Protein backbone atom coordinates (compact mmCIF):
# COMPACT_ATOMS: atom_id res chain seq x y z
CA MET A 1 -0.27 -61.22 37.02
CA ASN A 2 -3.38 -61.28 39.14
CA ASP A 3 -6.99 -60.86 38.14
CA SER A 4 -6.81 -57.64 40.70
CA GLU A 5 -3.72 -56.24 38.96
CA LEU A 6 -5.11 -56.68 35.68
CA LEU A 7 -8.75 -54.62 36.89
CA GLU A 8 -6.27 -52.01 38.04
CA GLU A 9 -4.32 -51.47 35.10
CA GLU A 10 -7.46 -51.52 32.85
CA SER A 11 -9.31 -48.75 35.38
CA GLU A 12 -6.12 -46.77 35.01
CA GLU A 13 -6.48 -47.12 30.62
CA SER A 14 -10.32 -46.10 30.94
CA ARG A 15 -9.45 -43.12 33.57
CA SER A 16 -6.60 -41.72 30.89
CA GLU A 17 -8.84 -42.08 28.03
CA SER A 18 -11.27 -39.98 29.91
CA PHE A 19 -9.35 -37.28 30.33
CA SER A 20 -7.97 -37.78 26.99
CA ALA A 21 -11.28 -36.81 25.28
CA PRO A 22 -11.07 -33.38 23.39
CA ALA A 23 -12.52 -30.58 24.96
CA PRO A 24 -16.10 -29.03 23.55
CA LYS A 25 -15.59 -26.92 20.57
CA SER A 26 -15.91 -22.99 21.82
CA SER A 27 -18.90 -20.94 20.27
CA VAL A 28 -16.54 -18.33 19.52
CA PRO A 29 -13.49 -18.73 17.35
CA LYS A 30 -10.24 -19.14 18.50
CA GLY A 31 -8.28 -15.73 19.03
CA LEU A 32 -11.77 -13.58 19.03
CA THR A 33 -11.24 -11.57 21.83
CA PRO A 34 -12.74 -7.97 22.54
CA ALA A 35 -9.07 -6.20 22.07
CA VAL A 36 -9.34 -7.95 18.41
CA LEU A 37 -13.18 -7.27 17.31
CA ILE A 38 -12.46 -3.51 18.92
CA LYS A 39 -9.31 -3.54 16.79
CA ALA A 40 -10.93 -4.69 13.39
CA LEU A 41 -14.22 -2.86 13.47
CA SER A 42 -11.60 0.57 14.01
CA GLY A 43 -9.45 -0.52 11.12
CA SER A 44 -13.08 -1.22 9.53
CA VAL A 45 -14.09 2.69 10.20
CA ALA A 46 -10.74 3.87 9.08
CA GLY A 47 -11.11 2.26 6.00
CA VAL A 48 -14.83 3.54 5.61
CA ILE A 49 -13.30 7.46 5.86
CA ILE A 50 -10.05 7.03 3.84
CA GLY A 51 -11.84 4.82 0.95
CA ALA A 52 -14.99 7.45 1.11
CA ALA A 53 -12.34 10.38 0.98
CA GLY A 54 -10.19 9.03 -1.48
CA PHE A 55 -13.06 8.26 -3.56
CA THR A 56 -14.00 11.96 -3.28
CA PHE A 57 -10.60 13.27 -4.15
CA LEU A 58 -10.38 11.08 -7.32
CA LEU A 59 -13.66 11.86 -8.52
CA LYS A 60 -12.94 15.48 -8.24
CA TYR A 61 -10.13 14.75 -11.06
CA GLY A 62 -12.60 12.60 -13.15
CA LEU A 63 -11.44 9.47 -11.71
CA TYR A 64 -14.50 6.87 -10.62
CA ALA A 65 -12.44 4.89 -8.21
CA ILE A 66 -15.49 3.08 -6.82
CA VAL A 67 -13.10 -0.04 -6.01
CA LEU A 68 -11.22 2.23 -3.68
CA PRO A 69 -13.56 2.28 -0.70
CA GLY A 70 -14.18 -1.59 -0.45
CA ALA A 71 -10.30 -2.37 -0.78
CA LEU A 72 -9.69 0.47 2.29
CA VAL A 73 -12.49 -1.29 4.13
CA GLY A 74 -11.09 -4.79 3.90
CA LEU A 75 -7.82 -3.75 4.26
CA GLY A 76 -8.28 -1.35 7.48
CA THR A 77 -10.10 -4.68 9.24
CA GLY A 78 -7.59 -7.09 8.09
CA LEU A 79 -4.76 -5.64 9.41
CA MET A 80 -5.88 -4.26 12.31
CA SER A 81 -7.72 -7.50 13.42
CA ARG A 82 -4.18 -9.18 12.39
CA ARG A 83 -6.01 -12.76 12.16
CA ALA A 84 -7.47 -15.01 9.64
CA SER A 85 -10.80 -14.90 10.09
CA TRP A 86 -14.19 -15.58 7.58
CA THR A 87 -16.22 -13.34 9.78
CA PHE A 88 -14.44 -10.58 9.42
CA ALA A 89 -14.08 -11.11 5.55
CA ILE A 90 -18.01 -11.08 5.47
CA TYR A 91 -18.31 -8.05 7.46
CA SER A 92 -16.26 -5.95 5.34
CA GLY A 93 -17.94 -7.44 1.94
CA VAL A 94 -21.19 -6.11 3.21
CA VAL A 95 -19.54 -2.66 4.81
CA GLY A 96 -17.80 -2.43 1.77
CA ALA A 97 -20.83 -3.22 -1.11
CA ALA A 98 -23.09 -0.89 1.44
CA LEU A 99 -20.24 2.08 0.89
CA CYS A 100 -19.89 1.43 -2.57
CA LEU A 101 -23.39 2.16 -2.83
CA LEU A 102 -23.82 4.56 -1.08
CA LEU A 103 -21.04 6.45 -2.87
CA HIS A 104 -22.34 5.97 -5.87
CA TRP A 105 -26.09 6.82 -5.12
CA LYS A 106 -24.73 10.39 -3.41
CA TYR A 107 -22.70 11.12 -6.51
CA PHE A 108 -24.66 9.87 -9.33
CA ARG A 109 -28.24 9.57 -8.43
CA ALA A 110 -28.85 12.13 -5.34
CA GLY A 111 -32.11 13.17 -7.25
CA THR A 112 -33.59 9.85 -6.35
CA SER A 113 -34.46 8.15 -2.72
CA PHE A 114 -31.71 5.05 -2.09
CA PHE A 115 -34.80 2.79 -2.44
CA GLU A 116 -35.53 3.84 -5.90
CA PHE A 117 -31.76 3.81 -6.72
CA LEU A 118 -31.67 -0.01 -5.06
CA ARG A 119 -34.81 -1.01 -6.93
CA ASP A 120 -33.24 0.37 -10.07
CA LEU A 121 -29.93 -1.15 -9.63
CA GLY A 122 -29.55 -3.40 -12.43
CA ASP A 123 -30.33 -0.38 -14.54
CA LEU A 124 -26.77 0.17 -14.10
CA PRO A 125 -24.05 0.05 -16.84
CA THR A 126 -22.05 -2.99 -16.63
CA ASP A 127 -18.73 -1.57 -16.37
CA ILE A 128 -19.83 0.01 -13.36
CA ARG A 129 -21.23 -3.07 -11.76
CA LEU A 130 -18.42 -4.74 -12.27
CA ARG A 131 -16.45 -1.74 -10.65
CA MET A 132 -18.52 -2.35 -7.63
CA ALA A 133 -17.98 -6.12 -7.66
CA ALA A 134 -14.37 -5.78 -7.50
CA GLY A 135 -14.35 -3.59 -4.67
CA VAL A 136 -16.65 -6.03 -3.06
CA PHE A 137 -14.12 -9.00 -3.38
CA ALA A 138 -11.22 -6.66 -2.30
CA ALA A 139 -13.39 -5.99 0.60
CA VAL A 140 -13.37 -9.49 1.09
CA TRP A 141 -10.15 -10.61 0.32
CA PHE A 142 -8.08 -8.22 2.55
CA GLY A 143 -11.01 -8.16 5.27
CA ARG A 144 -9.85 -11.98 5.54
CA GLY A 145 -6.34 -10.74 7.31
CA ARG A 146 -3.47 -13.15 7.35
CA HIS A 147 -2.03 -15.24 9.77
CA SER A 148 0.08 -13.60 12.51
């Protein structure tokens, strides 16, 4: 082998190395398209509606099922998105927490303003706070989704 052949071989190797470099990461997570977002949001809205209606229905029969709304928000988001996403999990947890708080305030503290209710949130009995936390945990767990 002469010097020119070695130089050609080294230049081919350097070109192949430059092409094998990893592509820059996109700021949008893989598989998170507008269609997936719309499906996840529609599942979330369905979970809010069914969860609030289910909570109201069960409350008429004396059952305090505050876990149900959060769990259904997470289920709707996770099932409709058909993706495993921590973004959807956090979103479901926030929506589930807000829904649990709004429902408890609506049915048990309607005489006060919502901000007064939030200020006095620490005065709620421990079992109610634990049930709300379980609803938020269920929203996050189910909202995470699974690999399709």
